[in-house]
Structure formats: C-alpha cells, structure tokens
N, C-alpha and C. Protein backbone atom coordinates (compact mmCIF):
# COMPACT_ATOMS: atom_id res chain seq x y z
N UNK A 1 -30.15 15.58 -13.11
CA UNK A 1 -29.95 14.82 -12.22
C UNK A 1 -28.87 15.79 -11.05
N UNK A 2 -29.98 15.92 -10.11
CA UNK A 2 -29.43 16.48 -8.73
C UNK A 2 -29.07 16.01 -7.88
N UNK A 3 -27.71 16.01 -7.15
CA UNK A 3 -27.91 15.19 -5.97
C UNK A 3 -28.19 15.87 -4.69
N UNK A 4 -28.05 15.63 -3.77
CA UNK A 4 -28.10 16.29 -2.25
C UNK A 4 -26.67 16.30 -1.74
N UNK A 5 -26.64 16.99 -0.74
CA UNK A 5 -25.49 17.10 -0.19
C UNK A 5 -24.69 15.72 0.41
N UNK A 6 -25.54 15.22 0.90
CA UNK A 6 -24.99 13.78 1.72
C UNK A 6 -24.71 12.86 0.38
N UNK A 7 -25.28 12.69 -0.65
CA UNK A 7 -24.70 11.95 -2.00
C UNK A 7 -23.29 12.39 -2.13
N UNK A 8 -23.09 13.97 -1.97
CA UNK A 8 -21.89 14.50 -2.24
C UNK A 8 -21.07 13.84 -1.35
N UNK A 9 -20.95 14.02 -0.20
CA UNK A 9 -20.07 13.53 0.71
C UNK A 9 -19.96 11.69 0.60
N UNK A 10 -21.03 11.38 0.38
CA UNK A 10 -20.92 9.58 0.38
C UNK A 10 -19.85 9.56 -0.61
N UNK A 11 -19.88 10.46 -2.11
CA UNK A 11 -19.24 9.96 -3.37
C UNK A 11 -17.62 10.42 -2.68
N UNK A 12 -17.75 11.49 -2.18
CA UNK A 12 -16.31 11.90 -1.62
C UNK A 12 -15.58 10.80 -0.13
N UNK A 13 -16.53 10.29 0.29
CA UNK A 13 -16.31 9.14 1.09
C UNK A 13 -15.91 7.92 0.39
N UNK A 14 -16.51 7.39 -0.62
CA UNK A 14 -15.74 6.46 -1.34
C UNK A 14 -14.68 6.58 -2.11
N UNK A 15 -14.63 8.02 -2.59
CA UNK A 15 -13.51 7.92 -3.39
C UNK A 15 -12.07 8.22 -2.37
N UNK A 16 -12.07 8.60 -1.32
CA UNK A 16 -11.08 8.91 -0.07
C UNK A 16 -10.83 7.16 0.26
N UNK A 17 -11.74 6.52 0.62
CA UNK A 17 -11.71 5.27 1.21
C UNK A 17 -11.05 4.11 -0.15
N UNK A 18 -11.39 4.46 -0.82
CA UNK A 18 -10.61 3.58 -2.29
C UNK A 18 -9.31 4.25 -2.86
N UNK A 19 -9.05 5.08 -2.48
CA UNK A 19 -7.59 5.49 -2.80
C UNK A 19 -6.83 5.37 -1.61
N UNK A 20 -7.30 5.24 -0.16
CA UNK A 20 -6.70 5.07 0.91
C UNK A 20 -6.09 3.48 0.74
N UNK A 21 -7.33 2.67 0.40
CA UNK A 21 -7.11 1.22 0.31
C UNK A 21 -6.07 0.92 -0.65
N UNK A 22 -5.81 1.73 -2.24
CA UNK A 22 -4.93 1.55 -2.96
C UNK A 22 -3.21 2.17 -2.28
N UNK A 23 -3.43 2.99 -1.87
CA UNK A 23 -1.88 3.49 -1.28
C UNK A 23 -1.47 2.36 -0.09
N UNK A 24 -2.70 2.03 0.93
CA UNK A 24 -2.12 0.74 1.92
C UNK A 24 -1.85 -0.04 0.99
N UNK A 25 -2.38 -0.64 0.25
CA UNK A 25 -1.59 -1.83 -0.45
C UNK A 25 -0.27 -1.89 -1.33
N UNK A 26 -0.31 -0.34 -1.74
CA UNK A 26 1.41 -0.41 -2.36
C UNK A 26 1.98 -0.31 -1.15
N UNK A 27 2.04 0.26 -0.26
CA UNK A 27 2.75 0.56 0.88
C UNK A 27 2.96 -0.94 1.67
N UNK A 28 2.25 -1.57 1.89
CA UNK A 28 2.50 -2.87 2.20
C UNK A 28 3.06 -3.77 1.02
N UNK A 29 3.17 -3.49 -0.44
CA UNK A 29 4.00 -4.63 -1.34
C UNK A 29 5.36 -3.77 -0.95
N UNK A 30 5.45 -2.48 -0.90
CA UNK A 30 6.82 -2.49 -0.94
C UNK A 30 7.39 -2.36 0.42
N UNK A 31 6.83 -2.51 1.11
CA UNK A 31 7.76 -2.89 2.57
C UNK A 31 7.78 -4.64 2.50
N UNK A 32 7.18 -5.15 2.17
CA UNK A 32 7.31 -6.35 1.70
C UNK A 32 8.31 -7.09 0.63
N UNK A 33 8.64 -6.08 -0.09
CA UNK A 33 9.49 -6.29 -0.72
C UNK A 33 11.11 -6.30 -0.30
N UNK A 34 10.99 -5.32 0.80
CA UNK A 34 12.05 -5.42 1.70
C UNK A 34 12.46 -6.69 2.70
N UNK A 35 11.32 -7.77 3.14
CA UNK A 35 10.91 -8.03 4.31
C UNK A 35 11.25 -9.14 3.77
N UNK A 36 12.27 -10.08 4.62
CA UNK A 36 12.34 -11.60 4.66
C UNK A 36 11.13 -12.25 5.44
N UNK A 37 9.97 -12.18 4.65
CA UNK A 37 8.48 -13.33 5.33
C UNK A 37 7.86 -13.61 3.94
N UNK A 38 7.40 -14.83 4.21
CA UNK A 38 6.61 -15.42 3.12
C UNK A 38 5.23 -14.72 2.75
N UNK A 39 4.54 -14.31 1.67
CA UNK A 39 3.53 -14.13 1.25
C UNK A 39 2.34 -14.48 2.17
N UNK A 40 2.13 -15.72 2.18
CA UNK A 40 1.19 -16.42 3.09
C UNK A 40 0.81 -16.19 4.24
N UNK A 41 2.01 -15.57 4.94
CA UNK A 41 2.19 -15.58 6.44
C UNK A 41 1.55 -14.20 6.45
N UNK A 42 2.24 -13.21 5.85
CA UNK A 42 1.17 -11.61 6.35
C UNK A 42 -0.17 -11.85 5.49
N UNK A 43 -0.31 -12.49 4.24
CA UNK A 43 -1.84 -12.31 3.93
C UNK A 43 -2.74 -13.12 4.88
N UNK A 44 -2.43 -14.27 5.39
CA UNK A 44 -3.02 -15.22 6.45
C UNK A 44 -3.73 -14.43 7.89
N UNK A 45 -2.44 -13.88 8.21
CA UNK A 45 -2.70 -12.68 9.58
C UNK A 45 -3.41 -11.69 9.23
N UNK A 46 -3.49 -10.88 8.05
CA UNK A 46 -3.90 -9.83 7.60
C UNK A 46 -5.51 -10.16 7.51
N UNK A 47 -5.50 -11.24 6.78
CA UNK A 47 -7.31 -11.92 6.02
C UNK A 47 -7.82 -12.06 7.59
N UNK A 48 -7.21 -12.64 8.43
CA UNK A 48 -7.92 -13.39 10.18
C UNK A 48 -8.17 -11.96 10.60
N UNK A 49 -7.66 -10.74 10.50
CA UNK A 49 -7.75 -9.63 11.27
C UNK A 49 -9.26 -9.24 10.81
N UNK A 50 -8.89 -8.98 9.36
CA UNK A 50 -9.93 -8.67 8.90
C UNK A 50 -11.38 -9.27 8.77
N UNK A 51 -11.18 -11.00 9.08
CA UNK A 51 -12.50 -11.57 9.15
C UNK A 51 -13.10 -11.35 10.70
N UNK A 52 -12.06 -11.01 11.81
CA UNK A 52 -12.45 -11.42 12.81
C UNK A 52 -13.23 -9.83 13.28
N UNK A 53 -13.04 -8.78 12.59
CA UNK A 53 -13.45 -7.46 13.00
C UNK A 53 -14.41 -6.99 11.79
N UNK A 54 -14.87 -8.50 10.61
CA UNK A 54 -15.80 -8.00 9.98
C UNK A 54 -17.04 -8.14 9.97
N UNK A 55 -17.53 -8.41 11.34
CA UNK A 55 -19.12 -8.78 11.31
C UNK A 55 -19.22 -7.34 12.18
N UNK A 56 -18.33 -7.26 13.22
CA UNK A 56 -18.77 -5.98 14.08
C UNK A 56 -18.91 -4.33 13.22
N UNK A 57 -17.74 -4.77 12.16
CA UNK A 57 -18.00 -3.36 11.77
C UNK A 57 -18.46 -3.25 10.29
N UNK A 58 -19.07 -4.37 9.84
CA UNK A 58 -19.89 -4.64 8.32
C UNK A 58 -21.27 -3.53 8.38
N UNK A 59 -21.48 -3.14 9.44
CA UNK A 59 -22.68 -2.40 9.81
C UNK A 59 -22.29 -0.90 9.46
N UNK A 60 -21.06 -0.88 9.72
CA UNK A 60 -20.65 0.90 9.64
C UNK A 60 -20.85 1.08 8.30
N UNK A 61 -20.29 0.06 7.13
CA UNK A 61 -19.99 0.20 5.60
C UNK A 61 -21.14 0.56 5.16
N UNK A 62 -22.69 0.40 5.84
CA UNK A 62 -24.11 0.88 5.02
C UNK A 62 -24.19 2.06 4.81
N UNK A 63 -23.57 3.32 5.60
CA UNK A 63 -23.31 4.45 5.31
C UNK A 63 -22.81 4.98 3.86
N UNK A 64 -21.62 4.02 3.69
CA UNK A 64 -21.32 4.52 2.37
C UNK A 64 -21.45 3.76 1.34
N UNK A 65 -21.87 2.51 1.26
CA UNK A 65 -22.41 1.70 0.37
C UNK A 65 -23.74 1.67 0.24
N UNK A 66 -24.37 2.23 1.07
CA UNK A 66 -26.04 2.29 0.86
C UNK A 66 -26.56 0.84 0.47
N UNK A 67 -25.95 0.01 0.82
CA UNK A 67 -26.33 -1.39 0.29
C UNK A 67 -26.76 -2.31 1.59
N UNK A 68 -27.95 -2.98 1.23
CA UNK A 68 -28.89 -3.51 2.39
C UNK A 68 -28.07 -5.04 2.27
N UNK A 69 -27.44 -5.57 1.57
CA UNK A 69 -26.55 -7.01 1.66
C UNK A 69 -25.93 -6.67 2.75
N UNK A 70 -25.71 -7.46 3.63
CA UNK A 70 -24.58 -7.73 4.77
C UNK A 70 -23.31 -8.24 3.96
N UNK A 71 -23.59 -8.96 3.12
CA UNK A 71 -22.25 -9.91 2.84
C UNK A 71 -21.36 -8.63 1.40
N UNK A 72 -22.00 -8.03 0.89
CA UNK A 72 -21.29 -6.95 0.63
C UNK A 72 -20.33 -5.68 1.15
N UNK A 73 -21.14 -5.56 2.29
CA UNK A 73 -21.00 -4.58 3.19
C UNK A 73 -19.31 -5.35 3.99
N UNK A 74 -20.09 -6.55 4.01
CA UNK A 74 -18.73 -7.41 5.17
C UNK A 74 -17.41 -7.66 3.83
N UNK A 75 -17.76 -7.91 2.60
CA UNK A 75 -16.60 -7.90 1.77
C UNK A 75 -15.75 -6.61 1.39
N UNK A 76 -16.62 -5.61 1.58
CA UNK A 76 -15.75 -4.51 1.39
C UNK A 76 -14.71 -4.00 2.73
N UNK A 77 -15.19 -4.62 3.84
CA UNK A 77 -14.49 -4.39 5.25
C UNK A 77 -13.49 -5.09 5.30
N UNK A 78 -13.64 -6.48 4.70
CA UNK A 78 -12.67 -7.13 4.53
C UNK A 78 -11.02 -7.43 3.56
N UNK A 79 -11.76 -6.36 2.61
CA UNK A 79 -10.85 -5.52 1.38
C UNK A 79 -9.97 -4.87 2.02
N UNK A 80 -10.84 -3.74 2.37
CA UNK A 80 -9.93 -2.54 3.03
C UNK A 80 -9.06 -2.86 4.61
N UNK A 81 -9.78 -3.83 5.30
CA UNK A 81 -9.12 -4.09 6.46
C UNK A 81 -7.92 -5.10 6.28
N UNK A 82 -8.15 -5.56 5.24
CA UNK A 82 -6.41 -6.61 4.98
C UNK A 82 -5.29 -5.67 4.69
N UNK A 83 -6.10 -4.50 3.62
CA UNK A 83 -4.93 -3.67 3.29
C UNK A 83 -4.45 -2.67 4.78
N UNK A 84 -5.20 -2.53 5.41
CA UNK A 84 -4.76 -1.61 6.84
C UNK A 84 -4.13 -2.57 7.60
N UNK A 85 -4.13 -4.03 7.90
CA UNK A 85 -3.72 -4.96 8.74
C UNK A 85 -2.14 -4.99 8.20
N UNK A 86 -2.50 -5.10 6.77
CA UNK A 86 -1.03 -5.70 6.65
C UNK A 86 0.31 -4.63 6.32
N UNK A 87 -0.29 -3.44 6.10
CA UNK A 87 0.54 -2.00 5.80
C UNK A 87 1.00 -1.70 7.13
N UNK A 88 -0.39 -2.06 8.72
CA UNK A 88 0.27 -1.95 9.74
C UNK A 88 1.54 -2.62 10.24
N UNK A 89 1.31 -3.91 9.92
CA UNK A 89 2.29 -4.80 10.54
C UNK A 89 3.47 -4.78 9.88
N UNK A 90 3.64 -4.49 8.60
CA UNK A 90 4.93 -4.34 8.03
C UNK A 90 5.51 -3.15 7.96
N UNK A 91 4.90 -2.05 8.57
CA UNK A 91 5.07 -0.63 8.73
C UNK A 91 5.62 -0.53 10.33
N UNK A 92 4.98 -1.74 11.13
CA UNK A 92 5.75 -1.38 12.68
C UNK A 92 7.04 -2.25 12.36
N UNK A 93 7.00 -3.38 12.03
CA UNK A 93 8.31 -4.28 11.80
C UNK A 93 9.33 -3.08 11.00
N UNK A 94 9.25 -2.34 10.05
CA UNK A 94 10.08 -1.84 9.64
C UNK A 94 10.63 -0.34 10.13
N UNK A 95 9.74 0.31 10.33
CA UNK A 95 10.19 1.93 10.89
C UNK A 95 10.62 1.62 12.33
N UNK A 96 10.11 0.49 13.08
CA UNK A 96 10.65 0.33 14.21
C UNK A 96 11.82 -0.63 14.55
N UNK A 97 12.32 -0.67 13.56
CA UNK A 97 13.51 -1.89 13.82
C UNK A 97 14.79 -1.18 14.20
N UNK A 98 15.72 -1.84 14.45
CA UNK A 98 16.87 -1.65 15.56
C UNK A 98 17.98 -1.48 14.80
N UNK A 99 18.49 -0.38 14.39
CA UNK A 99 19.59 -0.18 13.36
C UNK A 99 20.85 -0.68 13.69
N UNK A 100 20.76 -0.18 14.94
CA UNK A 100 22.26 -0.92 15.97
C UNK A 100 22.63 -2.09 15.67
N UNK A 101 21.70 -2.96 15.19
CA UNK A 101 21.88 -4.62 15.19
C UNK A 101 22.11 -4.91 13.67
N UNK A 102 21.91 -4.07 12.82
CA UNK A 102 22.25 -4.41 11.28
C UNK A 102 23.81 -4.89 11.36
N UNK A 103 23.47 -5.70 10.58
CA UNK A 103 24.72 -6.86 10.02
C UNK A 103 24.78 -6.83 8.52
N UNK A 104 26.18 -6.88 8.16
CA UNK A 104 26.57 -7.11 6.39
C UNK A 104 26.81 -8.53 6.41
N UNK A 105 26.35 -9.21 5.41
CA UNK A 105 26.52 -10.62 4.98
C UNK A 105 26.57 -10.69 3.48
N UNK A 106 27.30 -11.22 3.16
CA UNK A 106 28.21 -11.41 1.80
C UNK A 106 26.72 -12.73 0.87
N UNK A 107 26.03 -12.54 0.12
CA UNK A 107 25.14 -13.13 -0.21
C UNK A 107 25.31 -13.70 -2.07
N UNK A 108 25.25 -14.80 -2.10
CA UNK A 108 25.47 -15.54 -3.81
C UNK A 108 24.24 -15.05 -4.14
N UNK A 109 24.60 -14.01 -5.68
CA UNK A 109 23.90 -13.70 -6.58
C UNK A 109 23.65 -15.20 -7.22
N UNK A 110 22.00 -15.41 -7.64
CA UNK A 110 22.05 -16.57 -8.17
C UNK A 110 21.84 -16.41 -9.95
N UNK A 111 21.08 -15.16 -9.91
CA UNK A 111 21.21 -14.91 -11.40
C UNK A 111 20.66 -13.28 -11.67
N UNK A 112 21.05 -12.86 -12.47
CA UNK A 112 20.90 -11.17 -12.75
C UNK A 112 19.79 -11.47 -13.90
N UNK A 113 18.94 -10.50 -14.09
CA UNK A 113 18.28 -10.28 -14.88
C UNK A 113 17.38 -9.03 -15.15
N UNK A 114 16.66 -8.85 -16.66
CA UNK A 114 16.16 -7.41 -16.54
C UNK A 114 14.71 -7.99 -16.90
N UNK A 115 14.16 -6.96 -16.75
CA UNK A 115 12.54 -6.94 -17.05
C UNK A 115 12.30 -5.64 -17.96
N UNK A 116 11.64 -6.03 -19.27
CA UNK A 116 11.15 -4.95 -20.05
C UNK A 116 9.78 -4.21 -19.69
N UNK A 117 9.71 -2.85 -19.17
CA UNK A 117 8.59 -2.46 -19.16
C UNK A 117 8.18 -1.31 -20.16
N UNK A 118 6.97 -0.49 -19.99
CA UNK A 118 6.74 0.76 -20.83
C UNK A 118 5.96 1.63 -20.40
N UNK A 119 6.58 2.63 -20.60
CA UNK A 119 5.93 3.97 -20.20
C UNK A 119 4.40 4.20 -20.62
N UNK A 120 3.63 4.69 -20.10
CA UNK A 120 2.58 5.03 -20.76
C UNK A 120 2.31 6.27 -21.78
N UNK A 121 1.54 6.48 -22.81
CA UNK A 121 1.61 7.38 -23.66
C UNK A 121 0.17 7.79 -24.12
N UNK A 122 -0.02 9.32 -23.76
CA UNK A 122 -1.26 9.76 -23.88
C UNK A 122 -1.32 10.21 -25.28
N UNK A 123 -2.37 9.70 -25.64
CA UNK A 123 -3.19 9.89 -27.44
C UNK A 123 -3.78 10.75 -27.11
N UNK A 124 -4.93 11.08 -26.62
CA UNK A 124 -5.98 12.04 -26.39
C UNK A 124 -6.40 12.36 -25.08
N UNK A 125 -7.13 12.90 -24.69
CA UNK A 125 -7.66 13.20 -23.30
C UNK A 125 -8.03 12.01 -22.83
N UNK A 126 -8.57 10.93 -22.96
CA UNK A 126 -9.23 9.60 -22.17
C UNK A 126 -8.42 8.59 -23.11
N UNK A 127 -7.54 8.83 -23.49
CA UNK A 127 -7.10 7.41 -24.38
C UNK A 127 -5.52 7.50 -24.35
N UNK A 128 -4.87 6.20 -23.76
CA UNK A 128 -3.66 6.30 -23.66
C UNK A 128 -3.23 4.88 -24.33
N UNK A 129 -2.26 4.61 -24.40
CA UNK A 129 -1.30 3.57 -25.10
C UNK A 129 -0.26 3.14 -24.40
N UNK A 130 0.29 2.36 -24.89
CA UNK A 130 1.98 1.75 -24.73
C UNK A 130 2.81 2.31 -25.07
N UNK A 131 3.79 2.81 -24.33
CA UNK A 131 4.70 4.01 -24.89
C UNK A 131 6.21 3.01 -25.07
N UNK A 132 6.89 4.10 -24.91
CA UNK A 132 8.37 3.47 -25.14
C UNK A 132 8.58 2.26 -24.21
N UNK A 133 9.66 1.36 -24.59
CA UNK A 133 10.10 0.56 -23.62
C UNK A 133 11.19 0.93 -22.77
N UNK A 134 11.34 0.24 -21.24
CA UNK A 134 12.74 0.45 -20.62
C UNK A 134 12.69 -0.42 -20.00
N UNK A 135 14.08 -0.62 -19.48
CA UNK A 135 14.49 -1.91 -18.83
C UNK A 135 14.61 -1.67 -17.24
N UNK A 136 13.92 -2.76 -16.44
CA UNK A 136 14.46 -2.60 -15.02
C UNK A 136 14.94 -3.80 -14.94
N UNK A 137 16.32 -3.81 -13.75
CA UNK A 137 17.25 -4.45 -13.44
C UNK A 137 17.27 -5.31 -12.14
N UNK A 138 17.39 -6.57 -12.19
CA UNK A 138 16.77 -7.37 -10.82
C UNK A 138 18.24 -8.39 -10.68
N UNK A 139 18.47 -8.61 -9.45
CA UNK A 139 19.24 -9.79 -9.30
C UNK A 139 18.24 -10.50 -7.86
N UNK A 140 18.83 -11.92 -8.08
CA UNK A 140 18.46 -12.92 -7.35
C UNK A 140 19.15 -13.51 -6.14
N UNK A 141 19.05 -13.57 -5.24
CA UNK A 141 20.35 -13.69 -4.13
C UNK A 141 19.52 -14.73 -3.38
N UNK A 142 20.76 -15.55 -2.72
CA UNK A 142 20.33 -16.70 -1.90
C UNK A 142 20.47 -16.18 -0.43
N UNK A 143 19.56 -15.81 0.12
CA UNK A 143 19.22 -15.57 1.81
C UNK A 143 20.13 -16.71 2.79
N UNK A 144 20.57 -16.10 3.60
CA UNK A 144 21.27 -17.19 5.01
C UNK A 144 20.48 -18.30 5.13
N UNK A 145 19.00 -17.96 5.15
CA UNK A 145 18.51 -18.83 5.43
C UNK A 145 17.74 -19.89 4.15
N UNK A 146 18.69 -19.80 3.07
CA UNK A 146 18.32 -20.59 2.02
C UNK A 146 17.43 -20.27 1.38
N UNK A 147 16.66 -19.26 1.17
CA UNK A 147 15.42 -18.84 0.36
C UNK A 147 16.02 -17.40 -0.59
N UNK A 148 15.10 -17.52 -1.90
CA UNK A 148 15.96 -16.42 -2.76
C UNK A 148 14.77 -15.44 -2.82
N UNK A 149 15.70 -14.11 -3.11
CA UNK A 149 14.80 -12.75 -2.64
C UNK A 149 15.13 -12.09 -4.12
N UNK A 150 14.29 -11.59 -4.71
CA UNK A 150 14.52 -10.64 -5.32
C UNK A 150 14.71 -9.20 -5.36
N UNK A 151 15.78 -8.41 -5.92
CA UNK A 151 15.75 -7.13 -5.53
C UNK A 151 16.58 -6.03 -6.72
N UNK A 152 15.37 -5.10 -6.78
CA UNK A 152 15.87 -4.12 -8.07
C UNK A 152 17.20 -3.72 -7.60
N UNK A 153 17.85 -3.69 -8.99
CA UNK A 153 19.52 -2.76 -8.65
C UNK A 153 19.25 -1.97 -9.94
N UNK A 154 20.59 -1.18 -9.77
CA UNK A 154 20.80 0.21 -10.80
C UNK A 154 21.17 -0.71 -12.13
N UNK A 155 21.58 0.14 -12.69
CA UNK A 155 21.92 -0.27 -14.16
C UNK A 155 23.77 -0.62 -14.02
N UNK A 156 24.51 0.11 -13.10
CA UNK A 156 26.00 0.06 -12.71
C UNK A 156 26.07 -0.94 -11.92
N UNK A 157 24.93 -1.39 -11.20
CA UNK A 157 25.34 -2.75 -10.32
C UNK A 157 24.93 -3.77 -11.32
N UNK A 158 24.06 -3.64 -12.24
CA UNK A 158 23.68 -4.78 -13.44
C UNK A 158 25.24 -5.22 -13.94
N UNK A 159 25.55 -4.20 -14.32
CA UNK A 159 26.52 -4.01 -15.54
C UNK A 159 28.27 -4.94 -14.27
N UNK A 160 28.55 -4.08 -13.08
CA UNK A 160 28.97 -4.95 -12.65
C UNK A 160 29.05 -6.39 -11.91
N UNK A 161 28.07 -6.57 -11.97
CA UNK A 161 27.78 -7.96 -11.32
C UNK A 161 27.74 -8.90 -12.80
N UNK A 162 27.36 -8.25 -13.78
CA UNK A 162 27.60 -9.14 -14.92
C UNK A 162 29.14 -9.25 -15.41
N UNK A 163 30.18 -8.44 -15.27
CA UNK A 163 31.40 -8.59 -15.61
C UNK A 163 31.77 -9.79 -14.57
N UNK A 164 31.13 -10.03 -13.30
CA UNK A 164 31.97 -10.70 -12.51
C UNK A 164 31.95 -12.29 -12.56
N UNK A 165 32.69 -13.24 -12.36
CA UNK A 165 32.75 -14.41 -12.52
C UNK A 165 32.07 -15.06 -11.38
N UNK A 166 32.54 -14.70 -10.04
CA UNK A 166 32.01 -15.33 -9.18
C UNK A 166 31.13 -14.09 -8.54
N UNK A 167 29.76 -14.31 -8.75
CA UNK A 167 28.92 -13.22 -8.30
C UNK A 167 28.13 -13.20 -6.68
N UNK A 168 29.04 -12.01 -6.01
CA UNK A 168 28.25 -12.18 -4.89
C UNK A 168 28.01 -10.72 -4.63
N UNK A 169 27.26 -10.31 -3.48
CA UNK A 169 26.98 -8.47 -2.97
C UNK A 169 27.02 -8.64 -1.60
N UNK A 170 26.85 -7.78 -0.99
CA UNK A 170 26.87 -7.52 0.32
C UNK A 170 25.40 -6.60 0.76
N UNK A 171 24.68 -7.78 1.45
CA UNK A 171 23.18 -7.28 2.04
C UNK A 171 23.18 -7.03 3.16
N UNK A 172 22.33 -5.57 3.72
CA UNK A 172 22.28 -5.33 5.09
C UNK A 172 21.26 -5.81 5.92
N UNK A 173 21.38 -6.84 6.72
CA UNK A 173 20.15 -7.62 7.49
C UNK A 173 19.95 -6.70 8.79
N UNK A 174 18.53 -6.12 8.76
CA UNK A 174 18.40 -5.62 10.05
C UNK A 174 17.34 -5.96 10.70
N UNK A 175 17.37 -6.66 11.82
CA UNK A 175 16.04 -7.39 12.68
C UNK A 175 14.93 -6.31 12.88
N UNK A 176 13.85 -6.69 12.40
CA UNK A 176 12.72 -5.62 12.30
C UNK A 176 12.05 -5.52 13.92
N UNK A 177 11.21 -4.87 14.41
CA UNK A 177 10.86 -5.00 15.63
C UNK A 177 9.96 -5.95 15.68
N UNK A 178 9.16 -6.95 14.63
CA UNK A 178 8.44 -7.46 14.94
C UNK A 178 8.81 -9.28 14.56
N UNK A 179 9.94 -8.81 14.39
CA UNK A 179 11.10 -10.23 14.44
C UNK A 179 11.25 -10.74 12.78
N UNK A 180 10.58 -9.95 11.92
CA UNK A 180 11.05 -10.03 10.28
C UNK A 180 12.26 -9.35 9.96
N UNK A 181 13.34 -9.85 9.49
CA UNK A 181 14.58 -9.12 8.89
C UNK A 181 13.93 -8.32 7.75
N UNK A 182 14.50 -7.29 8.11
CA UNK A 182 14.61 -6.71 6.59
C UNK A 182 16.51 -6.70 5.97
N UNK A 183 15.87 -7.02 4.59
CA UNK A 183 17.13 -7.17 3.52
C UNK A 183 17.23 -5.80 2.53
N UNK A 184 18.63 -5.45 2.66
CA UNK A 184 18.64 -4.17 1.55
C UNK A 184 20.11 -4.29 1.16
N UNK A 185 19.97 -3.61 0.01
CA UNK A 185 21.33 -3.97 -0.75
C UNK A 185 22.03 -2.94 -0.40
N UNK A 186 23.52 -3.12 -0.32
CA UNK A 186 24.59 -2.04 0.37
C UNK A 186 24.65 -1.14 -0.89
N UNK A 187 24.93 -1.31 -2.21
CA UNK A 187 25.18 -0.79 -3.27
C UNK A 187 26.63 -0.38 -3.22
N UNK A 188 27.37 -1.02 -2.68
CA UNK A 188 28.68 -0.77 -2.70
C UNK A 188 29.53 -1.83 -3.51
C-alpha cells in the first residue's frame, strides 16, 4: 500500500485539523468555566456563525475529506467553525478584559462537594485501564445575579470552608471585553 505525496499531506492536514479542533473546544470549555454566561448563548452564537459560513466554505473541505457529498463537508465545517467561533468569542472576552474594573464580592457558598476521578494506568503498549482514584474539590457559589456557579478549589480551601458555619467566599468579578463577566476565586 503505497501512498502518494499528496495523500501524506492530506493525512497530516486531517490530523492537524482534528487536533486543532480538539484544542479549540478545550480552550472554549476552560474559558467558559470562568465566564458568567449561559452555555446556550455561546453555543447558539457559535453555531449560527458556523452555519452562516458553512455554505461558502464547505467546498474547501473537499480537498481534505475527498468526499463528494456536500453534506459531509458542510458538517465538517460546522464542527470546526463552532469550535473556532466559541474559542474566539470567549478568548476575546477574557484576554481583552479591563483589570482596572475588577471588584471583589462576597458570595455565599451553597454547597461544597468532591468528585472522584481516576488516573489512567498503562497495562501494555496499547492497553490502558482505570488507575488509582483521586479527589477533586468544588464549591457551588451563588453569584450576584442569583445564578449558581461551580468552581474548582484546593483541598485547603475545601477544608477551610467545611470548618466554617456560615460559608462565604470572596470572588473577583471582572467585566470582559464583550460584556460577559469573568469570575475568579480569590483564594484568600
């Protein structure tokens, strides 16, 4: 099975696009966890942008997919463009925020909880299984606009909150460049 040079470059292109899309979704998820905005709002804006650019751009995907069905190329574009749009929107909001307008607010902690997660354990060259368990600590805080937000915290913060009778925490609220507030725990 010998491939041509163009097949090699096409496979490299597919791998590059796939890794880029996964990284963009990861970036969007990380920034979304720090932003006061509904998932539906970000998803709908990103999907609308992806669909709006889908028809003119889906023909470009033929070089990568070698698929004659326009629907498949359109779907590839929608998946990739949704990731790109969400990452661009949330990155613009986060990285162009105005730090001078940061304010600290005391927020009530509704509950603290843990999640058990597992490391991956390598058995052999291609075989992995569930490894040792570990705990991740979270707090659910009520924000000033009466929404609940889950924030990951350290073990020390978890123990400190567990010992308090009235649980409150200080949050740093920074307005983002696109009007979505960025919430960070102050760790003090």
